[in-house]
Amino acid sequence: MATSTPKPRARNVADLKASILNPSLTSTYETSFVFPGAVAGWMNRQSGVGNGIDFDTLNRVQIACREAALPDTNLATHEQFNDFTGVTERHAYRRQYSSTSSFAFYVDTNYDSILLFENWIRFIVNEDASNRDLSNRNYTYRVNFPNEYKSEIFIRKFEKDYAGKDLEYKFLNAYPVSINTMPLSYDASQVLVCTVNFNFSRYTVNVKETDKFRT
């Protein structure tokens, strides 16, 4: 059955304000990192290096997240030939997810943003504080089990008036796989930024009502 072509219709200023003139801004978001219990316990036992982890430390680091990215996804397709003369069709057969996502953090003078994720990586490879000397001929390490170091990451996208709905992206089975280089220089001083790259299996998107305490 043929469908009719939609006809143009008159639009007023209110229509423009509700769409074009009411954009979502990139600077209104918050992140949340769930440190696995085994990782947090290991850090607080001073098996890690430097600072442990508590609510205040984690909250400061999450607020210091300078840059994050909403994840991307795509559909894997296969080509179908010759069903129609001269036409190549493409049909979806699988949804695919990116394997990594990056988060950039401002670094304070306690170096919490660096130490938290350095220690998470140290835990993954089971690197004990007493066994770091590479000159030790007995130096060994054994990677921990994935269910001990994988966790969840959240990005919540909201608007500057805290009204309406929020988008909550949840990364599943996430863990840090690398920390980017952080150049130091005698040139004009800049804020030190630590960029951490995470592996994850997939993500989910949920719509949340804006918290009442924000209004």
Protein backbone atom coordinates (compact mmCIF):
# COMPACT_ATOMS: atom_id res chain seq x y z
CA MET A 1 0.00 0.00 0.00
CA ALA A 2 1.48 3.35 -1.04
CA THR A 3 1.95 6.01 1.61
CA SER A 4 1.05 9.62 1.03
CA THR A 5 3.73 12.31 1.08
CA PRO A 6 3.46 14.55 4.16
CA LYS A 7 2.40 18.09 3.34
CA PRO A 8 4.10 21.24 4.65
CA ARG A 9 2.32 22.91 7.54
CA ALA A 10 2.56 26.33 9.12
CA ARG A 11 4.77 26.67 12.19
CA ASN A 12 4.88 29.49 14.71
CA VAL A 13 7.53 30.96 17.02
CA ALA A 14 6.49 28.63 19.85
CA ASP A 15 7.40 25.65 17.66
CA LEU A 16 10.88 27.08 17.10
CA LYS A 17 11.43 27.78 20.80
CA ALA A 18 10.42 24.23 21.67
CA SER A 19 12.92 22.70 19.26
CA ILE A 20 15.65 24.76 17.60
CA LEU A 21 15.94 27.41 20.35
CA ASN A 22 16.02 24.94 23.24
CA PRO A 23 19.20 22.92 22.63
CA SER A 24 20.85 20.49 24.99
CA LEU A 25 24.28 21.69 26.21
CA THR A 26 27.44 19.59 26.40
CA SER A 27 28.60 21.11 29.70
CA THR A 28 25.78 19.79 31.91
CA TYR A 29 26.53 16.22 32.96
CA GLU A 30 27.94 14.19 35.82
CA THR A 31 29.86 10.92 36.00
CA SER A 32 29.89 8.17 38.59
CA PHE A 33 32.52 5.44 38.94
CA VAL A 34 31.73 2.36 41.00
CA PHE A 35 34.97 0.96 42.37
CA PRO A 36 34.68 -2.81 42.94
CA GLY A 37 34.67 -3.76 46.61
CA ALA A 38 37.83 -5.85 46.18
CA VAL A 39 39.65 -2.90 44.60
CA ALA A 40 38.56 -0.43 47.31
CA GLY A 41 39.53 -2.85 50.09
CA TRP A 42 42.93 -3.48 48.52
CA MET A 43 43.61 0.25 48.24
CA ASN A 44 42.53 0.97 51.82
CA ARG A 45 44.80 -1.77 53.16
CA GLN A 46 47.72 0.25 51.75
CA SER A 47 48.48 -2.52 49.29
CA GLY A 48 48.23 0.19 46.65
CA VAL A 49 50.32 3.30 46.39
CA GLY A 50 49.44 6.67 47.92
CA ASN A 51 45.90 7.56 48.92
CA GLY A 52 43.13 5.11 49.75
CA ILE A 53 39.53 5.60 48.68
CA ASP A 54 36.57 7.05 50.57
CA PHE A 55 33.37 8.87 49.69
CA ASP A 56 34.93 12.35 49.74
CA THR A 57 37.88 11.33 47.57
CA LEU A 58 35.68 9.59 45.02
CA ASN A 59 33.24 12.51 44.97
CA ARG A 60 36.05 15.00 44.28
CA VAL A 61 37.38 12.91 41.41
CA GLN A 62 33.93 12.48 39.86
CA ILE A 63 33.33 16.25 40.01
CA ALA A 64 36.76 16.77 38.44
CA CYS A 65 35.79 14.79 35.33
CA ARG A 66 36.61 17.40 32.71
CA GLU A 67 35.49 15.46 29.68
CA ALA A 68 33.46 12.36 28.92
CA ALA A 69 31.68 11.05 25.85
CA LEU A 70 28.30 9.46 25.39
CA PRO A 71 28.98 6.07 23.78
CA ASP A 72 28.42 5.20 20.15
CA THR A 73 26.91 2.11 18.60
CA ASN A 74 26.27 0.73 15.13
CA LEU A 75 24.52 -2.11 13.34
CA ALA A 76 26.44 -4.82 11.52
CA THR A 77 24.83 -5.53 8.16
CA HIS A 78 25.21 -8.01 5.35
CA GLU A 79 24.58 -7.39 1.68
CA GLN A 80 21.87 -9.11 -0.32
CA PHE A 81 22.24 -9.16 -4.11
CA ASN A 82 19.92 -9.96 -7.02
CA ASP A 83 16.55 -9.98 -5.23
CA PHE A 84 15.78 -6.93 -7.33
CA THR A 85 17.56 -6.06 -10.57
CA GLY A 86 20.41 -3.62 -9.96
CA VAL A 87 19.60 -3.26 -6.25
CA THR A 88 21.94 -4.12 -3.37
CA GLU A 89 20.11 -4.44 -0.06
CA ARG A 90 21.70 -4.31 3.37
CA HIS A 91 20.05 -6.08 6.29
CA ALA A 92 21.00 -5.75 9.96
CA TYR A 93 21.97 -8.88 11.88
CA ARG A 94 23.79 -7.60 14.98
CA ARG A 95 24.21 -4.53 17.14
CA GLN A 96 27.82 -3.65 17.89
CA TYR A 97 29.31 -1.57 20.70
CA SER A 98 32.60 0.28 20.93
CA SER A 99 35.04 -1.46 23.24
CA THR A 100 36.53 1.60 24.95
CA SER A 101 35.52 4.98 26.35
CA SER A 102 37.77 7.78 27.63
CA PHE A 103 37.37 10.10 30.63
CA ALA A 104 39.59 13.12 31.36
CA PHE A 105 40.07 14.39 34.93
CA TYR A 106 41.56 17.54 36.39
CA VAL A 107 44.35 16.60 38.82
CA ASP A 108 44.47 18.27 42.24
CA THR A 109 47.49 18.60 44.51
CA ASN A 110 46.61 15.31 46.26
CA TYR A 111 46.88 13.55 42.88
CA ASP A 112 43.68 11.64 43.66
CA SER A 113 42.66 11.42 39.99
CA ILE A 114 45.92 9.70 39.14
CA LEU A 115 46.27 7.47 42.18
CA LEU A 116 42.73 6.07 42.13
CA PHE A 117 43.05 4.71 38.61
CA GLU A 118 46.72 3.77 38.93
CA ASN A 119 45.72 1.62 41.91
CA TRP A 120 42.77 0.10 40.06
CA ILE A 121 45.18 -1.02 37.32
CA ARG A 122 47.69 -2.22 39.93
CA PHE A 123 44.98 -4.35 41.49
CA ILE A 124 44.04 -5.88 38.12
CA VAL A 125 47.57 -7.23 37.69
CA ASN A 126 47.83 -7.99 41.42
CA GLU A 127 50.85 -5.76 41.88
CA ASP A 128 51.65 -5.74 45.59
CA ALA A 129 53.47 -2.77 47.15
CA SER A 130 56.14 -5.12 48.48
CA ASN A 131 56.87 -6.64 45.08
CA ARG A 132 57.67 -3.71 42.76
CA ASP A 133 61.43 -3.92 42.51
CA LEU A 134 62.20 -5.17 39.00
CA SER A 135 65.76 -5.94 40.08
CA ASN A 136 64.31 -8.67 42.30
CA ARG A 137 64.84 -11.91 40.38
CA ASN A 138 61.76 -13.38 42.05
CA TYR A 139 59.47 -10.58 40.82
CA THR A 140 56.18 -12.07 39.61
CA TYR A 141 52.55 -11.08 39.29
CA ARG A 142 49.31 -12.86 38.50
CA VAL A 143 46.26 -11.05 37.11
CA ASN A 144 43.14 -11.12 39.27
CA PHE A 145 39.86 -12.67 38.15
CA PRO A 146 37.66 -10.38 35.97
CA ASN A 147 34.71 -10.45 38.39
CA GLU A 148 36.97 -8.84 41.00
CA TYR A 149 37.98 -5.79 38.94
CA LYS A 150 35.09 -5.20 36.53
CA SER A 151 32.43 -2.72 37.58
CA GLU A 152 30.03 -0.06 36.29
CA ILE A 153 30.33 3.54 35.11
CA PHE A 154 27.47 6.02 34.82
CA ILE A 155 27.12 9.21 32.79
CA ARG A 156 24.07 11.29 33.58
CA LYS A 157 23.12 14.00 31.06
CA PHE A 158 20.82 16.74 32.34
CA GLU A 159 20.08 20.38 31.52
CA LYS A 160 21.15 23.60 33.22
CA ASP A 161 17.67 24.29 34.63
CA TYR A 162 17.57 20.74 36.13
CA ALA A 163 14.07 20.38 34.72
CA GLY A 164 12.54 17.61 32.67
CA LYS A 165 14.21 14.26 32.14
CA ASP A 166 17.79 13.03 32.43
CA LEU A 167 19.55 10.46 30.29
CA GLU A 168 21.52 7.89 32.25
CA TYR A 169 24.11 5.82 30.39
CA LYS A 170 25.33 2.74 32.25
CA PHE A 171 28.55 1.04 31.11
CA LEU A 172 28.65 -2.65 32.00
CA ASN A 173 31.74 -4.69 32.93
CA ALA A 174 33.95 -1.60 32.83
CA TYR A 175 37.57 -1.37 33.98
CA PRO A 176 40.55 0.88 33.14
CA VAL A 177 42.94 -0.42 30.49
CA SER A 178 45.28 2.54 30.06
CA ILE A 179 46.23 6.01 31.27
CA ASN A 180 47.40 8.51 28.66
CA THR A 181 50.68 10.36 28.94
CA MET A 182 50.54 13.64 30.92
CA PRO A 183 53.15 16.04 29.50
CA LEU A 184 55.05 18.29 31.91
CA SER A 185 56.82 21.42 30.71
CA TYR A 186 58.54 24.64 31.87
CA ASP A 187 56.36 26.55 29.41
CA ALA A 188 53.28 28.46 30.60
CA SER A 189 51.59 26.43 33.34
CA GLN A 190 48.35 24.59 32.64
CA VAL A 191 46.09 22.42 34.74
CA LEU A 192 47.29 18.83 34.73
CA VAL A 193 44.75 16.48 33.12
CA CYS A 194 44.67 12.70 33.51
CA THR A 195 42.88 10.76 30.75
CA VAL A 196 41.82 7.20 31.57
CA ASN A 197 40.59 4.73 28.96
CA PHE A 198 38.07 2.07 29.99
CA ASN A 199 37.05 -1.19 28.40
CA PHE A 200 33.39 -2.17 28.69
CA SER A 201 31.11 -4.85 27.27
CA ARG A 202 28.06 -2.78 26.36
CA TYR A 203 25.90 0.01 27.71
CA THR A 204 22.25 0.68 28.52
CA VAL A 205 20.29 3.94 28.35
CA ASN A 206 17.62 4.86 30.89
CA VAL A 207 15.44 7.94 31.25
CA LYS A 208 15.32 9.33 34.78
CA GLU A 209 13.17 12.04 36.26
CA THR A 210 15.28 14.96 37.50
CA ASP A 211 16.00 14.73 41.23
CA LYS A 212 13.71 16.93 43.30
CA PHE A 213 16.56 18.36 45.38
CA ARG A 214 18.03 19.98 42.27
CA THR A 215 15.02 22.20 41.63
